[in-house]
Amino acid sequence: YPWQLTHLPVVYDWQIRWSNRQRIARGIRWLCARLWSTRLLDAIETFQPDIVVSTYPLVTAVLGRLRTSGKIGCPCVATVTDYGVHRLWTSPGIDLHLVVSVDAARQADDVDGRIEVMQPLVHPAFRILRDRAAARAQLGLPQHAFIALVVGGAWGIGAIEETAADVAATGVYTVIVCGRNEWLARRLERRFAAESSVRVLGWTDDLARYMAAVDCLVQNAGGLTTLEAVAARLPIVLYRPIAGHGRMNATAMERASAAVWARS
């Protein structure tokens, strides 16, 4: 997936659109169930849960088929953390789908259970860290600058270098989080070594504090990082969205007024 997005984004985009067709999605759910039902049933038999909550689409597919066939007796819930709802994010047989907006609920196809809008499923720190001045002091950021936070997800994928250069060129203080992409972090550290108004980070466990400290988030994919920003009440700018679900999320978030999509 990361390799596809980096080297063959057109193929990934086609794959997302192709798998969003009803018959194709049904076939993928069937295949997932054939491959993983036994292992999932073993886990459920071991733990005897009162409820099963899926956070991953292909697990949702297996759960839906097992629930429909009566092999799972307890309720099953699927969380959909994207504003753009792909057909594989949902499944018949699931008792409850939790989505992030009313618009996302309207997009949910192949659903025969309840759909409810949830509060963002994020760490409480994103909701409670509100003191911008204190956060900036703790992180060593300038108190009176406009600060933009550029994030490319856990893998640091997409046109992060181009985005960082465009944001920094506006004159705002720019913080770039590269996630686990160490190669990108090293490259950006070299590129912006002489820029006192640019800070480059790799993986950080302090993202909630950075979100409390900055003025806006610049992001390219949607997903969990945007939910963290929503919880932190941080304005979101989508820029150079990645192929496939990134553009799907950009369209949906703009329609839901959850973000601004900057096209230039």
Protein backbone atom coordinates (compact mmCIF):
# COMPACT_ATOMS: atom_id res chain seq x y z
CA TYR A 1 0.00 0.00 0.00
CA PRO A 2 2.67 2.62 0.87
CA TRP A 3 4.74 1.44 -2.10
CA GLN A 4 1.71 1.72 -4.40
CA LEU A 5 0.95 5.25 -3.26
CA THR A 6 4.56 6.30 -3.77
CA HIS A 7 5.29 4.61 -7.09
CA LEU A 8 1.97 3.62 -8.70
CA PRO A 9 -0.71 6.03 -7.44
CA VAL A 10 -2.75 5.65 -10.63
CA VAL A 11 -3.02 1.89 -10.02
CA TYR A 12 -4.07 2.44 -6.40
CA ASP A 13 -6.68 4.98 -7.49
CA TRP A 14 -8.08 2.48 -10.01
CA GLN A 15 -8.06 -0.25 -7.35
CA ILE A 16 -10.10 1.91 -4.95
CA ARG A 17 -12.66 2.81 -7.64
CA TRP A 18 -12.86 -0.79 -8.96
CA SER A 19 -13.39 -2.33 -5.52
CA ASN A 20 -16.15 0.21 -4.76
CA ARG A 21 -18.50 -1.59 -7.17
CA GLN A 22 -21.20 -3.62 -5.48
CA ARG A 23 -20.47 -6.98 -7.14
CA ILE A 24 -16.70 -6.61 -6.72
CA ALA A 25 -17.08 -5.64 -3.05
CA ARG A 26 -19.35 -8.66 -2.49
CA GLY A 27 -16.69 -10.92 -4.02
CA ILE A 28 -13.93 -9.44 -1.86
CA ARG A 29 -16.02 -9.96 1.27
CA TRP A 30 -16.62 -13.58 0.25
CA LEU A 31 -12.87 -14.13 -0.32
CA CYS A 32 -11.93 -12.55 3.02
CA ALA A 33 -14.43 -14.80 4.79
CA ARG A 34 -12.99 -17.87 3.07
CA LEU A 35 -9.46 -16.90 4.11
CA TRP A 36 -9.93 -15.71 7.69
CA SER A 37 -13.22 -16.96 9.16
CA THR A 38 -11.66 -19.89 10.99
CA ARG A 39 -8.99 -17.79 12.69
CA LEU A 40 -11.48 -15.12 13.69
CA LEU A 41 -13.93 -17.68 15.06
CA ASP A 42 -11.10 -19.27 17.05
CA ALA A 43 -10.32 -15.89 18.64
CA ILE A 44 -13.98 -15.28 19.45
CA GLU A 45 -14.30 -18.75 20.96
CA THR A 46 -11.20 -18.11 23.09
CA PHE A 47 -12.27 -14.74 24.48
CA GLN A 48 -16.08 -15.18 24.52
CA PRO A 49 -16.73 -11.42 24.03
CA ASP A 50 -20.02 -9.66 24.70
CA ILE A 51 -19.47 -7.50 21.63
CA VAL A 52 -16.97 -7.40 18.74
CA VAL A 53 -15.75 -4.02 17.44
CA SER A 54 -13.90 -3.90 14.11
CA THR A 55 -11.51 -1.06 13.29
CA TYR A 56 -10.34 -2.55 9.97
CA PRO A 57 -12.45 -2.93 6.80
CA LEU A 58 -11.42 -6.48 5.84
CA VAL A 59 -12.18 -7.70 9.37
CA THR A 60 -15.56 -5.96 9.04
CA ALA A 61 -16.17 -7.99 5.88
CA VAL A 62 -15.48 -11.28 7.67
CA LEU A 63 -17.56 -10.34 10.72
CA GLY A 64 -20.51 -9.39 8.53
CA ARG A 65 -20.60 -12.73 6.76
CA LEU A 66 -20.14 -14.68 10.01
CA ARG A 67 -22.92 -12.68 11.69
CA THR A 68 -25.26 -13.20 8.73
CA SER A 69 -24.63 -16.96 8.78
CA GLY A 70 -25.33 -17.13 12.53
CA LYS A 71 -21.81 -18.31 13.43
CA ILE A 72 -21.35 -15.30 15.74
CA GLY A 73 -24.02 -14.76 18.36
CA CYS A 74 -22.86 -11.46 19.89
CA PRO A 75 -23.41 -8.01 18.32
CA CYS A 76 -20.79 -6.70 15.89
CA VAL A 77 -19.85 -3.07 15.43
CA ALA A 78 -17.76 -1.48 12.67
CA THR A 79 -15.98 1.87 13.06
CA VAL A 80 -15.56 3.94 9.88
CA THR A 81 -12.98 6.66 10.53
CA ASP A 82 -12.96 8.22 7.03
CA TYR A 83 -15.33 10.96 5.87
CA GLY A 84 -15.33 9.32 2.46
CA VAL A 85 -17.07 5.95 2.90
CA HIS A 86 -15.88 3.26 0.49
CA ARG A 87 -18.23 0.30 -0.02
CA LEU A 88 -15.71 -2.04 1.65
CA TRP A 89 -15.67 0.11 4.80
CA THR A 90 -19.14 -1.35 5.54
CA SER A 91 -20.75 -4.78 5.39
CA PRO A 92 -24.17 -6.41 5.53
CA GLY A 93 -24.68 -8.32 8.76
CA ILE A 94 -22.96 -5.76 10.98
CA ASP A 95 -25.34 -4.65 13.73
CA LEU A 96 -24.02 -1.08 14.03
CA HIS A 97 -21.79 1.09 11.87
CA LEU A 98 -20.24 4.11 13.61
CA VAL A 99 -19.41 6.94 11.17
CA VAL A 100 -17.92 10.41 11.59
CA SER A 101 -20.59 12.63 10.03
CA VAL A 102 -24.16 12.77 8.76
CA ASP A 103 -22.76 12.97 5.23
CA ALA A 104 -20.74 9.79 5.85
CA ALA A 105 -23.92 8.04 7.02
CA ARG A 106 -25.59 8.95 3.72
CA GLN A 107 -22.69 7.41 1.78
CA ALA A 108 -22.84 4.05 3.58
CA ASP A 109 -23.93 1.35 1.13
CA ASP A 110 -24.64 -2.37 1.66
CA VAL A 111 -25.71 -1.71 5.26
CA ASP A 112 -28.65 -3.55 6.82
CA GLY A 113 -28.01 -2.59 10.48
CA ARG A 114 -28.03 0.71 12.32
CA ILE A 115 -25.79 3.67 11.40
CA GLU A 116 -24.88 6.23 14.04
CA VAL A 117 -22.62 9.30 14.02
CA MET A 118 -19.88 8.97 16.66
CA GLN A 119 -17.59 11.35 18.44
CA PRO A 120 -14.01 11.03 17.09
CA LEU A 121 -12.39 7.91 18.56
CA VAL A 122 -9.13 9.57 19.62
CA HIS A 123 -6.96 9.91 22.72
CA PRO A 124 -8.54 12.26 25.30
CA ALA A 125 -5.46 14.50 25.14
CA PHE A 126 -6.64 15.87 21.79
CA ARG A 127 -9.78 17.20 23.50
CA ILE A 128 -8.31 18.53 26.74
CA LEU A 129 -5.10 20.27 25.62
CA ARG A 130 -6.44 23.75 24.84
CA ASP A 131 -3.84 26.21 26.19
CA ARG A 132 -1.99 27.35 23.05
CA ALA A 133 0.51 29.59 24.84
CA ALA A 134 1.46 26.84 27.29
CA ALA A 135 1.80 24.26 24.50
CA ARG A 136 4.06 26.59 22.50
CA ALA A 137 6.23 27.28 25.53
CA GLN A 138 6.58 23.56 26.28
CA LEU A 139 7.51 22.77 22.65
CA GLY A 140 9.79 25.78 22.16
CA LEU A 141 7.63 27.29 19.42
CA PRO A 142 7.31 31.05 18.81
CA GLN A 143 4.40 32.55 20.75
CA HIS A 144 3.21 35.08 18.18
CA ALA A 145 3.80 33.33 14.85
CA PHE A 146 1.15 31.72 12.67
CA ILE A 147 2.12 28.03 12.76
CA ALA A 148 1.06 25.32 10.30
CA LEU A 149 1.41 21.62 11.08
CA VAL A 150 2.09 19.44 8.01
CA VAL A 151 1.37 15.74 8.56
CA GLY A 152 1.55 12.75 6.22
CA GLY A 153 0.17 10.06 8.52
CA ALA A 154 2.09 7.34 10.31
CA TRP A 155 3.96 6.40 7.12
CA GLY A 156 4.74 9.93 5.94
CA ILE A 157 3.41 9.26 2.45
CA GLY A 158 2.30 11.50 -0.39
CA ALA A 159 3.80 14.74 -1.68
CA ILE A 160 5.00 15.81 1.77
CA GLU A 161 8.19 17.51 0.58
CA GLU A 162 6.35 19.56 -2.04
CA THR A 163 3.64 20.43 0.47
CA ALA A 164 6.16 21.47 3.11
CA ALA A 165 7.98 23.69 0.59
CA ASP A 166 4.73 25.35 -0.50
CA VAL A 167 3.62 26.00 3.08
CA ALA A 168 7.02 27.30 4.19
CA ALA A 169 7.16 29.60 1.15
CA THR A 170 4.12 31.51 2.45
CA GLY A 171 6.23 32.72 5.37
CA VAL A 172 4.39 30.91 8.16
CA TYR A 173 6.25 28.89 10.77
CA THR A 174 6.06 25.29 9.55
CA VAL A 175 6.22 22.08 11.59
CA ILE A 176 6.50 18.90 9.49
CA VAL A 177 5.77 15.46 10.97
CA CYS A 178 7.20 12.64 8.83
CA GLY A 179 5.92 9.72 10.91
CA ARG A 180 7.95 6.55 10.47
CA ASN A 181 9.41 7.73 7.15
CA GLU A 182 12.98 8.26 8.37
CA TRP A 183 14.29 8.80 4.84
CA LEU A 184 11.88 11.70 4.34
CA ALA A 185 12.78 13.23 7.70
CA ARG A 186 16.49 13.18 6.87
CA ARG A 187 15.84 14.65 3.43
CA LEU A 188 13.72 17.49 4.80
CA GLU A 189 16.22 18.20 7.58
CA ARG A 190 18.88 18.74 4.91
CA ARG A 191 16.59 20.81 2.70
CA PHE A 192 15.43 23.16 5.47
CA ALA A 193 18.63 23.19 7.54
CA ALA A 194 19.06 26.94 7.04
CA GLU A 195 15.39 27.78 7.71
CA SER A 196 14.82 28.87 11.30
CA SER A 197 11.04 28.89 10.76
CA VAL A 198 10.85 25.20 9.78
CA ARG A 199 10.93 22.28 12.23
CA VAL A 200 11.15 18.69 10.96
CA LEU A 201 10.05 15.79 13.15
CA GLY A 202 10.01 12.04 12.63
CA TRP A 203 7.63 9.97 14.73
CA THR A 204 6.28 11.86 17.76
CA ASP A 205 4.09 10.80 20.67
CA ASP A 206 3.38 14.47 21.36
CA LEU A 207 1.07 15.17 18.42
CA ALA A 208 -1.78 16.27 20.70
CA ARG A 209 0.43 19.01 22.15
CA TYR A 210 1.52 20.12 18.69
CA MET A 211 -2.12 20.32 17.62
CA ALA A 212 -2.83 22.46 20.68
CA ALA A 213 0.07 24.75 19.76
CA VAL A 214 -0.50 25.37 16.04
CA ASP A 215 -3.04 27.36 14.02
CA CYS A 216 -3.94 24.81 11.35
CA LEU A 217 -3.30 21.29 10.10
CA VAL A 218 -2.24 20.62 6.50
CA GLN A 219 -3.01 17.02 5.60
CA ASN A 220 -3.33 14.82 2.50
CA ALA A 221 -5.36 11.71 3.35
CA GLY A 222 -8.10 12.24 5.93
CA GLY A 223 -8.45 9.34 8.35
CA LEU A 224 -7.46 9.29 11.99
CA THR A 225 -5.21 12.38 11.97
CA THR A 226 -8.10 14.52 10.77
CA LEU A 227 -10.33 13.08 13.51
CA GLU A 228 -7.69 14.08 16.05
CA ALA A 229 -7.72 17.60 14.58
CA VAL A 230 -11.53 17.70 14.73
CA ALA A 231 -11.40 16.71 18.41
CA ALA A 232 -8.76 19.40 19.00
CA ARG A 233 -10.92 21.98 17.15
CA LEU A 234 -8.03 22.64 14.81
CA PRO A 235 -8.82 23.99 11.31
CA ILE A 236 -7.90 21.49 8.57
CA VAL A 237 -6.50 22.27 5.13
CA LEU A 238 -6.39 19.37 2.67
CA TYR A 239 -3.65 19.83 0.07
CA ARG A 240 -2.24 17.52 -2.61
CA PRO A 241 -4.46 14.61 -1.43
CA ILE A 242 -3.08 11.14 -2.09
CA ALA A 243 -4.73 8.92 -4.70
CA GLY A 244 -7.74 6.76 -3.97
CA HIS A 245 -9.20 7.26 -0.51
CA GLY A 246 -7.27 10.53 -0.06
CA ARG A 247 -9.19 12.26 -2.85
CA MET A 248 -12.39 10.52 -1.72
CA ASN A 249 -11.91 11.96 1.77
CA ALA A 250 -11.05 15.41 0.43
CA THR A 251 -14.29 15.50 -1.55
CA ALA A 252 -16.35 14.28 1.40
CA MET A 253 -14.72 16.55 3.98
CA GLU A 254 -15.17 19.60 1.78
CA ARG A 255 -18.84 18.68 1.24
CA ALA A 256 -19.32 18.23 5.01
CA SER A 257 -17.55 21.56 5.73
CA ALA A 258 -15.06 19.66 7.88
CA ALA A 259 -12.02 20.98 5.99
CA VAL A 260 -10.86 23.37 3.29
CA TRP A 261 -9.48 21.72 0.16
CA ALA A 262 -6.72 23.93 -1.25
CA ARG A 263 -6.33 23.05 -4.93
CA SER A 264 -3.38 25.33 -5.57
